[in-house]
Amino acid sequence: MTDAVTLSDMHVKLREAHAEDFDIIRDLLTRCGLTTGSVTPEGSTYWIADLDGVPGGCIGLEHGDGVSLIRSTAVVPEARNQGLGRALVTSALTQASLLGHRAVYLFSEEAGDYWRRFGFVPAQPDDIIAALPDAPQVRSGLSKGWIHAEQAWTCALGGGGPA
């Protein structure tokens, strides 16, 4: 008999992050091998997933004019493949929809198949630049020169018209 604890045995709580939570978010991203340079609470909403009171994942949503940009999606290795990422993504998409946004964008080179499950389709980086010129991740990508080498994705929402 095994004493392994599964995610379904744990108490999962998604909570909106506050400015004082950004050290936790940066730690989660670092543990998952992601960059933290442009992670900011300004113009953004982030969520943290706590597992039995311990941070296990996060996601960010940068807000634009009628559109959003998902960024900094991370789940610590020991909590992966249990539905935690799906819960975080669903929360972000729901928030964007409730805000009346017509589309959500993101950059992802490695996880295209994952994002397709949520209705994302390939887009051009210039689509994101035009839609969210002031988003911290867009500004970072432009200033550091990586943005045009990234795979962009978009998902249309019911908030009014095409993306």
Protein backbone atom coordinates (compact mmCIF):
# COMPACT_ATOMS: atom_id res chain seq x y z
CA MET A 1 0.00 0.00 0.00
CA THR A 2 1.27 3.46 -0.88
CA ASP A 3 1.02 6.63 1.15
CA ALA A 4 1.32 8.87 -1.93
CA VAL A 5 -0.83 11.98 -1.77
CA THR A 6 -2.50 13.02 -5.00
CA LEU A 7 -3.74 16.47 -5.92
CA SER A 8 -7.31 15.23 -5.53
CA ASP A 9 -6.49 14.52 -1.87
CA MET A 10 -5.18 18.04 -1.35
CA HIS A 11 -7.05 21.28 -0.71
CA VAL A 12 -6.65 23.52 -3.76
CA LYS A 13 -7.38 27.22 -3.53
CA LEU A 14 -7.03 29.73 -6.36
CA ARG A 15 -6.57 33.27 -5.12
CA GLU A 16 -5.95 36.59 -6.77
CA ALA A 17 -2.44 37.79 -6.08
CA HIS A 18 -1.74 41.12 -4.43
CA ALA A 19 1.39 43.26 -4.77
CA GLU A 20 2.92 41.58 -1.71
CA ASP A 21 2.55 38.16 -3.42
CA PHE A 22 4.91 38.95 -6.30
CA ASP A 23 7.94 37.42 -4.55
CA ILE A 24 5.92 34.17 -4.41
CA ILE A 25 5.06 34.46 -8.11
CA ARG A 26 8.69 35.12 -9.04
CA ASP A 27 9.76 32.12 -6.96
CA LEU A 28 7.20 29.85 -8.67
CA LEU A 29 8.33 31.04 -12.11
CA THR A 30 11.99 30.55 -11.25
CA ARG A 31 11.31 27.03 -9.94
CA CYS A 32 9.67 26.27 -13.31
CA GLY A 33 12.55 27.73 -15.34
CA LEU A 34 10.65 30.80 -16.53
CA THR A 35 11.83 34.41 -16.65
CA THR A 36 10.57 37.02 -14.21
CA GLY A 37 11.94 40.29 -15.58
CA SER A 38 8.68 41.90 -16.72
CA VAL A 39 6.37 40.38 -14.10
CA THR A 40 4.49 43.27 -12.50
CA PRO A 41 1.16 43.91 -10.80
CA GLU A 42 0.71 47.12 -12.88
CA GLY A 43 -2.07 46.63 -15.45
CA SER A 44 -2.24 42.93 -14.64
CA THR A 45 -4.11 40.35 -12.65
CA TYR A 46 -2.28 37.29 -11.34
CA TRP A 47 -3.56 34.22 -9.55
CA ILE A 48 -1.76 31.81 -7.28
CA ALA A 49 -2.88 28.23 -6.76
CA ASP A 50 -2.25 27.08 -3.20
CA LEU A 51 -2.06 23.35 -2.47
CA ASP A 52 -2.75 22.71 1.20
CA GLY A 53 -1.67 26.31 1.81
CA VAL A 54 1.57 26.02 -0.20
CA PRO A 55 1.90 27.93 -3.50
CA GLY A 56 1.97 25.41 -6.37
CA GLY A 57 1.26 27.44 -9.49
CA CYS A 58 0.43 30.82 -10.96
CA ILE A 59 -0.84 32.61 -14.05
CA GLY A 60 -0.95 36.23 -15.14
CA LEU A 61 -3.30 38.23 -17.31
CA GLU A 62 -2.09 41.56 -18.71
CA HIS A 63 -4.99 43.82 -19.65
CA GLY A 64 -5.35 45.89 -22.79
CA ASP A 65 -8.19 47.66 -24.56
CA GLY A 66 -10.72 44.85 -25.04
CA VAL A 67 -8.04 42.14 -25.08
CA SER A 68 -5.77 40.36 -22.61
CA LEU A 69 -2.41 38.59 -22.68
CA ILE A 70 -1.86 35.41 -20.69
CA ARG A 71 1.64 35.14 -19.31
CA SER A 72 3.69 33.49 -16.58
CA THR A 73 1.71 30.27 -16.49
CA ALA A 74 3.55 27.88 -14.19
CA VAL A 75 2.88 24.77 -12.13
CA VAL A 76 5.64 23.31 -9.96
CA PRO A 77 6.84 19.92 -11.22
CA GLU A 78 5.41 17.93 -8.32
CA ALA A 79 1.87 19.23 -9.02
CA ARG A 80 1.77 18.81 -12.80
CA ASN A 81 -0.65 16.62 -14.76
CA GLN A 82 -3.29 16.91 -12.05
CA GLY A 83 -5.51 19.65 -13.49
CA LEU A 84 -3.99 22.60 -11.65
CA GLY A 85 -2.83 24.30 -14.87
CA ARG A 86 -6.28 23.82 -16.38
CA ALA A 87 -7.85 25.49 -13.34
CA LEU A 88 -5.48 28.45 -13.60
CA VAL A 89 -6.06 28.88 -17.35
CA THR A 90 -9.82 28.59 -16.93
CA SER A 91 -9.72 31.31 -14.25
CA ALA A 92 -7.77 33.65 -16.51
CA LEU A 93 -10.04 33.04 -19.51
CA THR A 94 -13.13 33.52 -17.33
CA GLN A 95 -11.75 36.82 -16.00
CA ALA A 96 -11.02 38.07 -19.52
CA SER A 97 -14.51 37.10 -20.62
CA LEU A 98 -16.11 38.81 -17.62
CA LEU A 99 -14.16 41.95 -18.48
CA GLY A 100 -15.84 41.82 -21.89
CA HIS A 101 -12.60 41.19 -23.74
CA ARG A 102 -12.98 39.89 -27.29
CA ALA A 103 -9.71 37.93 -27.38
CA VAL A 104 -6.85 36.58 -25.31
CA TYR A 105 -3.30 36.27 -26.61
CA LEU A 106 -0.13 34.57 -25.43
CA PHE A 107 3.38 33.58 -26.46
CA SER A 108 4.41 29.92 -26.25
CA GLU A 109 7.07 28.06 -28.18
CA GLU A 110 6.87 24.69 -26.45
CA ALA A 111 3.27 24.27 -25.29
CA GLY A 112 1.20 24.80 -28.44
CA ASP A 113 -0.67 21.52 -28.11
CA TYR A 114 -1.61 22.42 -24.54
CA TRP A 115 -3.02 25.83 -25.53
CA ARG A 116 -4.97 24.34 -28.48
CA ARG A 117 -7.07 22.47 -25.89
CA PHE A 118 -8.43 25.84 -24.75
CA GLY A 119 -9.25 27.04 -28.26
CA PHE A 120 -6.04 28.93 -29.01
CA VAL A 121 -4.84 29.11 -32.61
CA PRO A 122 -1.56 30.40 -34.01
CA ALA A 123 -1.25 34.16 -34.53
CA GLN A 124 1.50 36.56 -35.50
CA PRO A 125 3.59 38.42 -32.93
CA ASP A 126 2.61 41.66 -34.70
CA ASP A 127 -1.04 40.88 -33.84
CA ILE A 128 -0.15 40.95 -30.14
CA ILE A 129 2.05 44.03 -30.51
CA ALA A 130 -0.82 45.91 -32.19
CA ALA A 131 -3.44 44.71 -29.70
CA LEU A 132 -1.39 45.17 -26.50
CA PRO A 133 1.40 47.68 -27.17
CA ASP A 134 1.63 48.70 -23.50
CA ALA A 135 1.59 45.19 -21.98
CA PRO A 136 4.74 44.59 -19.90
CA GLN A 137 5.55 41.35 -21.75
CA VAL A 138 5.19 43.06 -25.14
CA ARG A 139 7.38 45.99 -24.07
CA SER A 140 9.96 43.54 -22.71
CA GLY A 141 9.93 41.47 -25.90
CA LEU A 142 10.38 44.53 -28.09
CA SER A 143 13.17 46.01 -25.98
CA LYS A 144 15.06 42.69 -25.73
CA GLY A 145 14.45 41.70 -29.34
CA TRP A 146 12.88 38.28 -28.79
CA ILE A 147 9.26 39.00 -29.66
CA HIS A 148 9.35 38.26 -33.41
CA ALA A 149 11.04 34.89 -32.82
CA GLU A 150 8.19 33.71 -30.55
CA GLN A 151 5.11 31.72 -31.50
CA ALA A 152 2.04 33.82 -30.81
CA TRP A 153 -1.42 32.41 -30.05
CA THR A 154 -4.91 33.84 -29.83
CA CYS A 155 -8.29 32.70 -28.56
CA ALA A 156 -11.50 34.53 -29.48
CA LEU A 157 -13.90 35.21 -26.62
CA GLY A 158 -17.53 36.29 -26.63
CA GLY A 159 -16.73 39.89 -25.75
CA GLY A 160 -17.62 41.51 -29.05
CA GLY A 161 -16.24 40.90 -32.48
CA PRO A 162 -13.19 39.27 -34.00
CA ALA A 163 -9.76 39.40 -32.43
